Amino acid sequence: MNLKNRNLISISDYSKEEYMHILKLAAEFERQPVQNIAEGKVVATLFFEPSTRTRLSFESAACRMGAKVIGFSDASNSSTAKGESLADTIRTVSCYADIIVMRHPLEGAARVASEVATVPVINAGDGANQHPTQCMLDLYSILTTQGTLDNLDIALVGDLKYGRTVHSLVEAMCNFNTTFHLISPESLKLPSIVKMHIKKHNLKYYQYSEIPEAINKVDILYVTRVQRERFLDIQDYEKVKNSYVLDRSMLTNVKSNMKILHPLPRVNEIATNVDSTEQAYYFQQAQNGVYVRQALIAAILGLK
């Protein structure tokens, strides 16, 4: 399967078969993380918005394959602070790198970048829109823990309105006959445009206001934080910021195969007493991000 020079802007840019190809490559990198196959390649990481895991895991992935990394982690250190347009920044960086990884606070910015770049672009998150590489590592984590992606019950908890990781995951999991359990405050429900993917595939979804209503029914509990940075009115954030806190005591009757995922960072939506339980998988999930991003870089650069 040839993904050479393909952008990854939305999870819908790749087919179900292409997801599975990336996950197969990720498993190869998990078995052998250090492969010096990208020597002489340059990966540009352009982060116009704060990031720890996504940026560092991409840079770790590139380094483990022998590539060099250039870029910035703060837009104030780039020429955009002088008024340079995003398009001009991308055109310029295309001269210096073989692939661009970009995070930006504005929805649609990654698509704009892909239209002007002369090298492939990977969207590392654009506002509340999409986060396709997080979705890929989520798929890999689900596959690793469940042995399949098919016919699972998945609960999505917290900020379903602004959570770009949730939007991407719902869209991808619609390819695998998933039943969705949506747990959120009324003001943070999954947007209608994302629900349309579920309806289009004739899949079932259920909506709840509390975690205990669904926790014992599911194979995966995908918890997200309420994102302060997405709220224009701080009072609106204060109303919902502590809507859900997953505590160890809530895990007494869950399914034996159930695993808890979280894209991180967490604030207080998962109590630390959950970390030592057999259900907790979110730090391994972060580790999986390196293997999946190695797989993506290798496939898009035509190295695998």
C-alpha atoms as a PDB file:
ATOM      1  CA  MET A   1       0.000   0.000   0.000  1.00  0.00           C
ATOM      2  CA  ASN A   2       1.505   3.299  -1.121  1.00  0.00           C
ATOM      3  CA  LEU A   3       1.006   6.332   1.144  1.00  0.00           C
ATOM      4  CA  LYS A   4       4.081   8.169  -0.122  1.00  0.00           C
ATOM      5  CA  ASN A   5       3.661  11.963  -0.189  1.00  0.00           C
ATOM      6  CA  ARG A   6       0.105  11.742   1.186  1.00  0.00           C
ATOM      7  CA  ASN A   7      -1.085  14.470   3.547  1.00  0.00           C
ATOM      8  CA  LEU A   8      -2.916  13.503   6.743  1.00  0.00           C
ATOM      9  CA  ILE A   9      -5.200  16.409   7.607  1.00  0.00           C
ATOM     10  CA  SER A  10      -8.428  14.650   8.584  1.00  0.00           C
ATOM     11  CA  ILE A  11      -8.897  11.052   9.642  1.00  0.00           C
ATOM     12  CA  SER A  12     -11.218  10.745   6.621  1.00  0.00           C
ATOM     13  CA  ASP A  13      -8.217  11.303   4.328  1.00  0.00           C
ATOM     14  CA  TYR A  14      -7.273   7.654   4.868  1.00  0.00           C
ATOM     15  CA  SER A  15      -9.398   4.577   4.281  1.00  0.00           C
ATOM     16  CA  LYS A  16     -10.054   1.752   6.739  1.00  0.00           C
ATOM     17  CA  GLU A  17      -7.469  -0.349   4.876  1.00  0.00           C
ATOM     18  CA  GLU A  18      -4.927   2.446   5.161  1.00  0.00           C
ATOM     19  CA  TYR A  19      -5.563   2.744   8.931  1.00  0.00           C
ATOM     20  CA  MET A  20      -4.846  -0.943   9.281  1.00  0.00           C
ATOM     21  CA  HIS A  21      -1.665  -0.636   7.227  1.00  0.00           C
ATOM     22  CA  ILE A  22      -0.386   2.115   9.554  1.00  0.00           C
ATOM     23  CA  LEU A  23      -1.284   0.040  12.640  1.00  0.00           C
ATOM     24  CA  LYS A  24       0.607  -2.931  11.190  1.00  0.00           C
ATOM     25  CA  LEU A  25       3.681  -0.734  10.674  1.00  0.00           C
ATOM     26  CA  ALA A  26       3.299   0.621  14.222  1.00  0.00           C
ATOM     27  CA  ALA A  27       3.449  -2.933  15.576  1.00  0.00           C
ATOM     28  CA  GLU A  28       6.721  -3.406  13.687  1.00  0.00           C
ATOM     29  CA  PHE A  29       8.135  -0.272  15.292  1.00  0.00           C
ATOM     30  CA  GLU A  30       6.960  -1.398  18.723  1.00  0.00           C
ATOM     31  CA  ARG A  31       8.957  -4.604  18.259  1.00  0.00           C
ATOM     32  CA  GLN A  32      11.985  -2.661  16.975  1.00  0.00           C
ATOM     33  CA  PRO A  33      11.736   1.059  17.824  1.00  0.00           C
ATOM     34  CA  VAL A  34      15.192   2.084  16.618  1.00  0.00           C
ATOM     35  CA  GLN A  35      15.440   1.793  12.826  1.00  0.00           C
ATOM     36  CA  ASN A  36      17.878   4.075  11.046  1.00  0.00           C
ATOM     37  CA  ILE A  37      15.784   4.355   7.883  1.00  0.00           C
ATOM     38  CA  ALA A  38      15.284   8.133   7.740  1.00  0.00           C
ATOM     39  CA  GLU A  39      18.904   9.269   7.794  1.00  0.00           C
ATOM     40  CA  GLY A  40      19.235  12.469   5.763  1.00  0.00           C
ATOM     41  CA  LYS A  41      15.543  13.333   6.127  1.00  0.00           C
ATOM     42  CA  VAL A  42      14.335  16.496   7.904  1.00  0.00           C
ATOM     43  CA  VAL A  43      11.079  16.673   9.849  1.00  0.00           C
ATOM     44  CA  ALA A  44       9.723  20.165  10.634  1.00  0.00           C
ATOM     45  CA  THR A  45       7.500  20.428  13.730  1.00  0.00           C
ATOM     46  CA  LEU A  46       5.563  23.705  13.684  1.00  0.00           C
ATOM     47  CA  PHE A  47       3.546  24.107  16.879  1.00  0.00           C
ATOM     48  CA  PHE A  48       1.555  27.339  16.972  1.00  0.00           C
ATOM     49  CA  GLU A  49      -0.268  26.010  20.071  1.00  0.00           C
ATOM     50  CA  PRO A  50       1.136  24.384  23.249  1.00  0.00           C
ATOM     51  CA  SER A  51       1.844  20.662  23.198  1.00  0.00           C
ATOM     52  CA  THR A  52       3.903  18.193  25.180  1.00  0.00           C
ATOM     53  CA  ARG A  53       3.030  14.643  24.112  1.00  0.00           C
ATOM     54  CA  THR A  54       2.257  15.260  20.446  1.00  0.00           C
ATOM     55  CA  ARG A  55       5.319  17.381  19.730  1.00  0.00           C
ATOM     56  CA  LEU A  56       7.769  15.301  21.739  1.00  0.00           C
ATOM     57  CA  SER A  57       6.440  11.980  20.461  1.00  0.00           C
ATOM     58  CA  PHE A  58       6.787  13.173  16.856  1.00  0.00           C
ATOM     59  CA  GLU A  59      10.319  14.361  17.574  1.00  0.00           C
ATOM     60  CA  SER A  60      11.137  11.114  19.368  1.00  0.00           C
ATOM     61  CA  ALA A  61       9.726   9.151  16.435  1.00  0.00           C
ATOM     62  CA  ALA A  62      11.877  11.090  13.956  1.00  0.00           C
ATOM     63  CA  CYS A  63      15.019  10.732  16.074  1.00  0.00           C
ATOM     64  CA  ARG A  64      14.546   6.975  16.502  1.00  0.00           C
ATOM     65  CA  MET A  65      14.548   6.668  12.717  1.00  0.00           C
ATOM     66  CA  GLY A  66      17.651   8.807  12.239  1.00  0.00           C
ATOM     67  CA  ALA A  67      15.924  11.937  10.913  1.00  0.00           C
ATOM     68  CA  LYS A  68      16.757  15.483  11.946  1.00  0.00           C
ATOM     69  CA  VAL A  69      14.130  17.739  13.519  1.00  0.00           C
ATOM     70  CA  ILE A  70      13.693  21.488  13.030  1.00  0.00           C
ATOM     71  CA  GLY A  71      10.884  23.803  14.041  1.00  0.00           C
ATOM     72  CA  PHE A  72       9.393  25.713  16.962  1.00  0.00           C
ATOM     73  CA  SER A  73       7.094  25.065  19.908  1.00  0.00           C
ATOM     74  CA  ASP A  74       5.967  28.661  20.418  1.00  0.00           C
ATOM     75  CA  ALA A  75       4.564  30.823  17.637  1.00  0.00           C
ATOM     76  CA  SER A  76       6.023  33.920  19.298  1.00  0.00           C
ATOM     77  CA  ASN A  77       9.442  32.575  18.298  1.00  0.00           C
ATOM     78  CA  SER A  78       8.467  32.404  14.626  1.00  0.00           C
ATOM     79  CA  SER A  79       8.032  35.078  11.966  1.00  0.00           C
ATOM     80  CA  THR A  80       4.251  34.947  12.405  1.00  0.00           C
ATOM     81  CA  ALA A  81       4.953  37.224  15.386  1.00  0.00           C
ATOM     82  CA  LYS A  82       6.205  39.743  12.801  1.00  0.00           C
ATOM     83  CA  GLY A  83       3.019  39.418  10.787  1.00  0.00           C
ATOM     84  CA  GLU A  84       4.041  36.733   8.292  1.00  0.00           C
ATOM     85  CA  SER A  85       1.064  34.790   6.916  1.00  0.00           C
ATOM     86  CA  LEU A  86       0.632  31.098   7.618  1.00  0.00           C
ATOM     87  CA  ALA A  87       0.854  30.387   3.899  1.00  0.00           C
ATOM     88  CA  ASP A  88       4.229  32.133   3.594  1.00  0.00           C
ATOM     89  CA  THR A  89       5.566  30.329   6.676  1.00  0.00           C
ATOM     90  CA  ILE A  90       4.568  26.969   5.206  1.00  0.00           C
ATOM     91  CA  ARG A  91       5.991  27.747   1.772  1.00  0.00           C
ATOM     92  CA  THR A  92       9.279  28.737   3.372  1.00  0.00           C
ATOM     93  CA  VAL A  93       9.541  25.730   5.687  1.00  0.00           C
ATOM     94  CA  SER A  94       8.791  23.465   2.704  1.00  0.00           C
ATOM     95  CA  CYS A  95      12.193  24.540   1.376  1.00  0.00           C
ATOM     96  CA  TYR A  96      13.910  23.199   4.494  1.00  0.00           C
ATOM     97  CA  ALA A  97      12.126  19.940   5.310  1.00  0.00           C
ATOM     98  CA  ASP A  98      10.885  16.694   3.784  1.00  0.00           C
ATOM     99  CA  ILE A  99       7.676  16.646   5.839  1.00  0.00           C
ATOM    100  CA  ILE A 100       5.815  19.164   8.031  1.00  0.00           C
ATOM    101  CA  VAL A 101       3.987  18.362  11.263  1.00  0.00           C
ATOM    102  CA  MET A 102       1.777  21.281  12.319  1.00  0.00           C
ATOM    103  CA  ARG A 103      -0.489  22.190  15.226  1.00  0.00           C
ATOM    104  CA  HIS A 104      -2.547  25.361  15.021  1.00  0.00           C
ATOM    105  CA  PRO A 105      -5.380  26.855  17.098  1.00  0.00           C
ATOM    106  CA  LEU A 106      -7.548  27.679  14.065  1.00  0.00           C
ATOM    107  CA  GLU A 107      -9.818  25.066  12.523  1.00  0.00           C
ATOM    108  CA  GLY A 108      -8.907  24.506   8.883  1.00  0.00           C
ATOM    109  CA  ALA A 109      -5.350  25.820   9.232  1.00  0.00           C
ATOM    110  CA  ALA A 110      -3.816  22.417   8.491  1.00  0.00           C
ATOM    111  CA  ARG A 111      -5.841  22.090   5.284  1.00  0.00           C
ATOM    112  CA  VAL A 112      -4.642  25.544   4.200  1.00  0.00           C
ATOM    113  CA  ALA A 113      -1.056  24.507   4.951  1.00  0.00           C
ATOM    114  CA  SER A 114      -1.401  21.336   2.858  1.00  0.00           C
ATOM    115  CA  GLU A 115      -2.639  23.358  -0.119  1.00  0.00           C
ATOM    116  CA  VAL A 116       0.448  25.589  -0.242  1.00  0.00           C
ATOM    117  CA  ALA A 117       3.153  23.192   0.985  1.00  0.00           C
ATOM    118  CA  THR A 118       5.422  21.442  -1.492  1.00  0.00           C
ATOM    119  CA  VAL A 119       6.044  18.592   0.978  1.00  0.00           C
ATOM    120  CA  PRO A 120       3.530  16.397   2.840  1.00  0.00           C
ATOM    121  CA  VAL A 121       1.730  17.899   5.852  1.00  0.00           C
ATOM    122  CA  ILE A 122       0.532  16.044   8.951  1.00  0.00           C
ATOM    123  CA  ASN A 123      -2.117  17.743  11.065  1.00  0.00           C
ATOM    124  CA  ALA A 124      -1.120  17.558  14.736  1.00  0.00           C
ATOM    125  CA  GLY A 125      -4.371  19.268  15.786  1.00  0.00           C
ATOM    126  CA  ASP A 126      -6.264  22.231  14.382  1.00  0.00           C
ATOM    127  CA  GLY A 127      -8.441  23.957  16.942  1.00  0.00           C
ATOM    128  CA  ALA A 128     -11.491  21.916  17.948  1.00  0.00           C
ATOM    129  CA  ASN A 129     -11.590  20.229  14.547  1.00  0.00           C
ATOM    130  CA  GLN A 130      -9.389  17.133  14.078  1.00  0.00           C
ATOM    131  CA  HIS A 131      -6.398  15.348  15.594  1.00  0.00           C
ATOM    132  CA  PRO A 132      -5.848  12.425  13.214  1.00  0.00           C
ATOM    133  CA  THR A 133      -2.537  11.129  14.576  1.00  0.00           C
ATOM    134  CA  GLN A 134      -3.985  10.975  18.098  1.00  0.00           C
ATOM    135  CA  CYS A 135      -6.829   9.028  16.542  1.00  0.00           C
ATOM    136  CA  MET A 136      -4.385   6.597  14.935  1.00  0.00           C
ATOM    137  CA  LEU A 137      -2.649   5.946  18.253  1.00  0.00           C
ATOM    138  CA  ASP A 138      -6.056   5.561  19.913  1.00  0.00           C
ATOM    139  CA  LEU A 139      -6.957   2.932  17.312  1.00  0.00           C
ATOM    140  CA  TYR A 140      -3.657   1.187  17.962  1.00  0.00           C
ATOM    141  CA  SER A 141      -4.275   1.250  21.723  1.00  0.00           C
ATOM    142  CA  ILE A 142      -7.785  -0.160  21.299  1.00  0.00           C
ATOM    143  CA  LEU A 143      -6.526  -2.881  18.962  1.00  0.00           C
ATOM    144  CA  THR A 144      -3.667  -3.767  21.312  1.00  0.00           C
ATOM    145  CA  THR A 145      -5.878  -4.045  24.392  1.00  0.00           C
ATOM    146  CA  GLN A 146      -8.948  -5.649  22.803  1.00  0.00           C
ATOM    147  CA  GLY A 147      -7.389  -7.747  20.046  1.00  0.00           C
ATOM    148  CA  THR A 148      -9.857  -6.248  17.560  1.00  0.00           C
ATOM    149  CA  LEU A 149     -11.435  -2.978  16.465  1.00  0.00           C
ATOM    150  CA  ASP A 150     -14.722  -4.583  15.478  1.00  0.00           C
ATOM    151  CA  ASN A 151     -18.040  -4.700  17.364  1.00  0.00           C
ATOM    152  CA  LEU A 152     -16.890  -2.844  20.492  1.00  0.00           C
ATOM    153  CA  ASP A 153     -18.778  -0.659  22.956  1.00  0.00           C
ATOM    154  CA  ILE A 154     -16.917   2.614  23.469  1.00  0.00           C
ATOM    155  CA  ALA A 155     -17.799   5.314  26.007  1.00  0.00           C
ATOM    156  CA  LEU A 156     -16.624   8.866  25.318  1.00  0.00           C
ATOM    157  CA  VAL A 157     -16.581  11.043  28.432  1.00  0.00           C
ATOM    158  CA  GLY A 158     -16.304  14.777  29.059  1.00  0.00           C
ATOM    159  CA  ASP A 159     -15.843  17.494  26.461  1.00  0.00           C
ATOM    160  CA  LEU A 160     -17.444  15.966  23.384  1.00  0.00           C
ATOM    161  CA  LYS A 161     -18.211  19.355  21.822  1.00  0.00           C
ATOM    162  CA  TYR A 162     -14.714  20.804  21.526  1.00  0.00           C
ATOM    163  CA  GLY A 163     -12.666  17.604  21.901  1.00  0.00           C
ATOM    164  CA  ARG A 164     -10.951  17.133  18.539  1.00  0.00           C
ATOM    165  CA  THR A 165      -9.613  13.732  19.655  1.00  0.00           C
ATOM    166  CA  VAL A 166     -13.208  12.580  20.170  1.00  0.00           C
ATOM    167  CA  HIS A 167     -14.348  13.877  16.778  1.00  0.00           C
ATOM    168  CA  SER A 168     -11.583  12.016  14.956  1.00  0.00           C
ATOM    169  CA  LEU A 169     -12.078   8.806  16.945  1.00  0.00           C
ATOM    170  CA  VAL A 170     -15.841   8.687  16.339  1.00  0.00           C
ATOM    171  CA  GLU A 171     -15.308   9.157  12.614  1.00  0.00           C
ATOM    172  CA  ALA A 172     -12.700   6.387  12.455  1.00  0.00           C
ATOM    173  CA  MET A 173     -14.545   3.898  14.674  1.00  0.00           C
ATOM    174  CA  CYS A 174     -17.654   4.197  12.506  1.00  0.00           C
ATOM    175  CA  ASN A 175     -15.771   1.847  10.143  1.00  0.00           C
ATOM    176  CA  PHE A 176     -15.792  -0.944  12.733  1.00  0.00           C
ATOM    177  CA  ASN A 177     -19.460  -1.423  13.742  1.00  0.00           C
ATOM    178  CA  THR A 178     -18.980   0.396  17.046  1.00  0.00           C
ATOM    179  CA  THR A 179     -21.684   1.146  19.599  1.00  0.00           C
ATOM    180  CA  PHE A 180     -21.090   4.592  21.112  1.00  0.00           C
ATOM    181  CA  HIS A 181     -21.935   5.671  24.662  1.00  0.00           C
ATOM    182  CA  LEU A 182     -21.735   9.473  24.918  1.00  0.00           C
ATOM    183  CA  ILE A 183     -21.312  10.913  28.430  1.00  0.00           C
ATOM    184  CA  SER A 184     -21.212  14.693  28.743  1.00  0.00           C
ATOM    185  CA  PRO A 185     -22.847  17.775  30.245  1.00  0.00           C
ATOM    186  CA  GLU A 186     -25.710  19.142  28.169  1.00  0.00           C
ATOM    187  CA  SER A 187     -23.555  22.064  27.037  1.00  0.00           C
ATOM    188  CA  LEU A 188     -20.719  19.811  25.810  1.00  0.00           C
ATOM    189  CA  LYS A 189     -22.608  17.189  23.797  1.00  0.00           C
ATOM    190  CA  LEU A 190     -21.168  15.696  20.628  1.00  0.00           C
ATOM    191  CA  PRO A 191     -21.857  18.080  17.712  1.00  0.00           C
ATOM    192  CA  SER A 192     -24.555  17.099  15.245  1.00  0.00           C
ATOM    193  CA  ILE A 193     -22.058  17.082  12.381  1.00  0.00           C
ATOM    194  CA  VAL A 194     -20.057  14.342  14.165  1.00  0.00           C
ATOM    195  CA  LYS A 195     -23.200  12.391  15.067  1.00  0.00           C
ATOM    196  CA  MET A 196     -24.005  12.362  11.358  1.00  0.00           C
ATOM    197  CA  HIS A 197     -21.102   9.945  10.819  1.00  0.00           C
ATOM    198  CA  ILE A 198     -22.708   7.533  13.292  1.00  0.00           C
ATOM    199  CA  LYS A 199     -26.122   7.877  11.668  1.00  0.00           C
ATOM    200  CA  LYS A 200     -24.699   7.501   8.164  1.00  0.00           C
ATOM    201  CA  HIS A 201     -23.247   4.116   9.146  1.00  0.00           C
ATOM    202  CA  ASN A 202     -26.524   3.055  10.827  1.00  0.00           C
ATOM    203  CA  LEU A 203     -24.768   2.561  14.161  1.00  0.00           C
ATOM    204  CA  LYS A 204     -26.215   2.907  17.649  1.00  0.00           C
ATOM    205  CA  TYR A 205     -25.376   5.637  20.126  1.00  0.00           C
ATOM    206  CA  TYR A 206     -26.676   6.376  23.605  1.00  0.00           C
ATOM    207  CA  GLN A 207     -26.361   9.619  25.583  1.00  0.00           C
ATOM    208  CA  TYR A 208     -25.868   9.859  29.346  1.00  0.00           C
ATOM    209  CA  SER A 209     -25.226  12.544  31.917  1.00  0.00           C
ATOM    210  CA  GLU A 210     -23.225  10.390  34.401  1.00  0.00           C
ATOM    211  CA  ILE A 211     -20.371   7.859  34.083  1.00  0.00           C
ATOM    212  CA  PRO A 212     -21.980   5.099  36.258  1.00  0.00           C
ATOM    213  CA  GLU A 213     -24.871   4.866  33.816  1.00  0.00           C
ATOM    214  CA  ALA A 214     -22.587   3.377  31.144  1.00  0.00           C
ATOM    215  CA  ILE A 215     -19.291   2.260  32.671  1.00  0.00           C
ATOM    216  CA  ASN A 216     -20.258  -1.387  33.169  1.00  0.00           C
ATOM    217  CA  LYS A 217     -21.393  -1.781  29.553  1.00  0.00           C
ATOM    218  CA  VAL A 218     -18.235  -0.779  27.712  1.00  0.00           C
ATOM    219  CA  ASP A 219     -14.949  -2.197  26.448  1.00  0.00           C
ATOM    220  CA  ILE A 220     -13.217   1.188  26.270  1.00  0.00           C
ATOM    221  CA  LEU A 221     -13.762   4.236  28.491  1.00  0.00           C
ATOM    222  CA  TYR A 222     -12.255   7.207  26.667  1.00  0.00           C
ATOM    223  CA  VAL A 223     -11.996  10.131  29.091  1.00  0.00           C
ATOM    224  CA  THR A 224     -11.251  13.717  28.050  1.00  0.00           C
ATOM    225  CA  ARG A 225     -10.623  16.913  29.968  1.00  0.00           C
ATOM    226  CA  VAL A 226     -12.820  19.976  29.723  1.00  0.00           C
ATOM    227  CA  GLN A 227     -10.592  22.312  27.727  1.00  0.00           C
ATOM    228  CA  ARG A 228     -10.377  25.757  29.256  1.00  0.00           C
ATOM    229  CA  GLU A 229      -8.684  27.147  26.151  1.00  0.00           C
ATOM    230  CA  ARG A 230     -11.780  26.455  24.015  1.00  0.00           C
ATOM    231  CA  PHE A 231     -14.119  28.652  26.089  1.00  0.00           C
ATOM    232  CA  LEU A 232     -14.622  32.323  25.274  1.00  0.00           C
ATOM    233  CA  ASP A 233     -16.392  32.927  28.595  1.00  0.00           C
ATOM    234  CA  ILE A 234     -14.504  31.727  31.686  1.00  0.00           C
ATOM    235  CA  GLN A 235     -17.807  31.503  33.583  1.00  0.00           C
ATOM    236  CA  ASP A 236     -19.025  28.871  31.134  1.00  0.00           C
ATOM    237  CA  TYR A 237     -15.860  26.887  31.778  1.00  0.00           C
ATOM    238  CA  GLU A 238     -16.228  27.143  35.557  1.00  0.00           C
ATOM    239  CA  LYS A 239     -19.729  25.655  35.325  1.00  0.00           C
ATOM    240  CA  VAL A 240     -18.570  22.415  33.695  1.00  0.00           C
ATOM    241  CA  LYS A 241     -14.857  21.996  34.521  1.00  0.00           C
ATOM    242  CA  ASN A 242     -15.414  19.390  37.254  1.00  0.00           C
ATOM    243  CA  SER A 243     -18.389  17.634  35.680  1.00  0.00           C
ATOM    244  CA  TYR A 244     -16.756  14.205  35.840  1.00  0.00           C
ATOM    245  CA  VAL A 245     -14.096  12.643  38.036  1.00  0.00           C
ATOM    246  CA  LEU A 246     -13.385   8.958  37.465  1.00  0.00           C
ATOM    247  CA  ASP A 247     -12.473   7.332  40.771  1.00  0.00           C
ATOM    248  CA  ARG A 248     -11.151   3.838  41.555  1.00  0.00           C
ATOM    249  CA  SER A 249     -14.377   3.003  43.420  1.00  0.00           C
ATOM    250  CA  MET A 250     -16.304   3.270  40.134  1.00  0.00           C
ATOM    251  CA  LEU A 251     -14.432   0.317  38.612  1.00  0.00           C
ATOM    252  CA  THR A 252     -15.786  -2.487  40.803  1.00  0.00           C
ATOM    253  CA  ASN A 253     -18.168  -4.063  38.269  1.00  0.00           C
ATOM    254  CA  VAL A 254     -16.612  -3.204  34.925  1.00  0.00           C
ATOM    255  CA  LYS A 255     -16.008  -5.746  32.159  1.00  0.00           C
ATOM    256  CA  SER A 256     -12.808  -7.757  32.593  1.00  0.00           C
ATOM    257  CA  ASN A 257     -11.369  -6.469  29.317  1.00  0.00           C
ATOM    258  CA  MET A 258     -12.272  -2.801  29.917  1.00  0.00           C
ATOM    259  CA  LYS A 259      -9.461  -0.281  29.510  1.00  0.00           C
ATOM    260  CA  ILE A 260      -9.372   3.443  30.270  1.00  0.00           C
ATOM    261  CA  LEU A 261      -7.886   5.740  27.639  1.00  0.00           C
ATOM    262  CA  HIS A 262      -7.198   9.472  27.846  1.00  0.00           C
ATOM    263  CA  PRO A 263      -5.423  11.641  25.241  1.00  0.00           C
ATOM    264  CA  LEU A 264      -3.751  13.598  28.088  1.00  0.00           C
ATOM    265  CA  PRO A 265      -3.013  15.962  29.686  1.00  0.00           C
ATOM    266  CA  ARG A 266      -5.413  15.200  32.488  1.00  0.00           C
ATOM    267  CA  VAL A 267      -6.387  17.787  35.060  1.00  0.00           C
ATOM    268  CA  ASN A 268      -8.613  16.131  37.655  1.00  0.00           C
ATOM    269  CA  GLU A 269     -11.010  14.051  35.544  1.00  0.00           C
ATOM    270  CA  ILE A 270      -9.189  10.814  36.438  1.00  0.00           C
ATOM    271  CA  ALA A 271      -8.200  10.444  40.097  1.00  0.00           C
ATOM    272  CA  THR A 272      -4.607   9.329  40.641  1.00  0.00           C
ATOM    273  CA  ASN A 273      -5.862   6.266  42.532  1.00  0.00           C
ATOM    274  CA  VAL A 274      -6.964   4.885  39.152  1.00  0.00           C
ATOM    275  CA  ASP A 275      -3.378   4.865  37.824  1.00  0.00           C
ATOM    276  CA  SER A 276      -2.446   1.593  39.544  1.00  0.00           C
ATOM    277  CA  THR A 277      -5.543  -0.316  38.408  1.00  0.00           C
ATOM    278  CA  GLU A 278      -5.458  -2.930  35.664  1.00  0.00           C
ATOM    279  CA  GLN A 279      -7.920  -0.822  33.680  1.00  0.00           C
ATOM    280  CA  ALA A 280      -5.616   2.208  33.398  1.00  0.00           C
ATOM    281  CA  TYR A 281      -3.920   2.321  30.009  1.00  0.00           C
ATOM    282  CA  TYR A 282      -3.397   6.036  29.294  1.00  0.00           C
ATOM    283  CA  PHE A 283       0.363   6.187  29.844  1.00  0.00           C
ATOM    284  CA  GLN A 284       0.927   3.138  27.629  1.00  0.00           C
ATOM    285  CA  GLN A 285      -1.364   4.898  25.150  1.00  0.00           C
ATOM    286  CA  ALA A 286       1.045   7.860  25.136  1.00  0.00           C
ATOM    287  CA  GLN A 287       3.930   5.442  24.507  1.00  0.00           C
ATOM    288  CA  ASN A 288       2.034   3.998  21.551  1.00  0.00           C
ATOM    289  CA  GLY A 289       2.064   7.477  20.038  1.00  0.00           C
ATOM    290  CA  VAL A 290       5.746   7.137  19.214  1.00  0.00           C
ATOM    291  CA  TYR A 291       5.271   3.875  17.287  1.00  0.00           C
ATOM    292  CA  VAL A 292       2.274   5.172  15.353  1.00  0.00           C
ATOM    293  CA  ARG A 293       4.013   8.410  14.444  1.00  0.00           C
ATOM    294  CA  GLN A 294       7.083   6.459  13.335  1.00  0.00           C
ATOM    295  CA  ALA A 295       4.775   4.431  11.106  1.00  0.00           C
ATOM    296  CA  LEU A 296       3.163   7.554   9.636  1.00  0.00           C
ATOM    297  CA  ILE A 297       6.451   9.321   8.953  1.00  0.00           C
ATOM    298  CA  ALA A 298       7.921   6.168   7.395  1.00  0.00           C
ATOM    299  CA  ALA A 299       4.867   5.552   5.189  1.00  0.00           C
ATOM    300  CA  ILE A 300       4.472   9.156   4.039  1.00  0.00           C
ATOM    301  CA  LEU A 301       8.172   9.500   3.256  1.00  0.00           C
ATOM    302  CA  GLY A 302       8.057   6.210   1.341  1.00  0.00           C
ATOM    303  CA  LEU A 303      10.502   4.493   3.669  1.00  0.00           C
ATOM    304  CA  LYS A 304       8.199   1.536   4.413  1.00  0.00           C
END
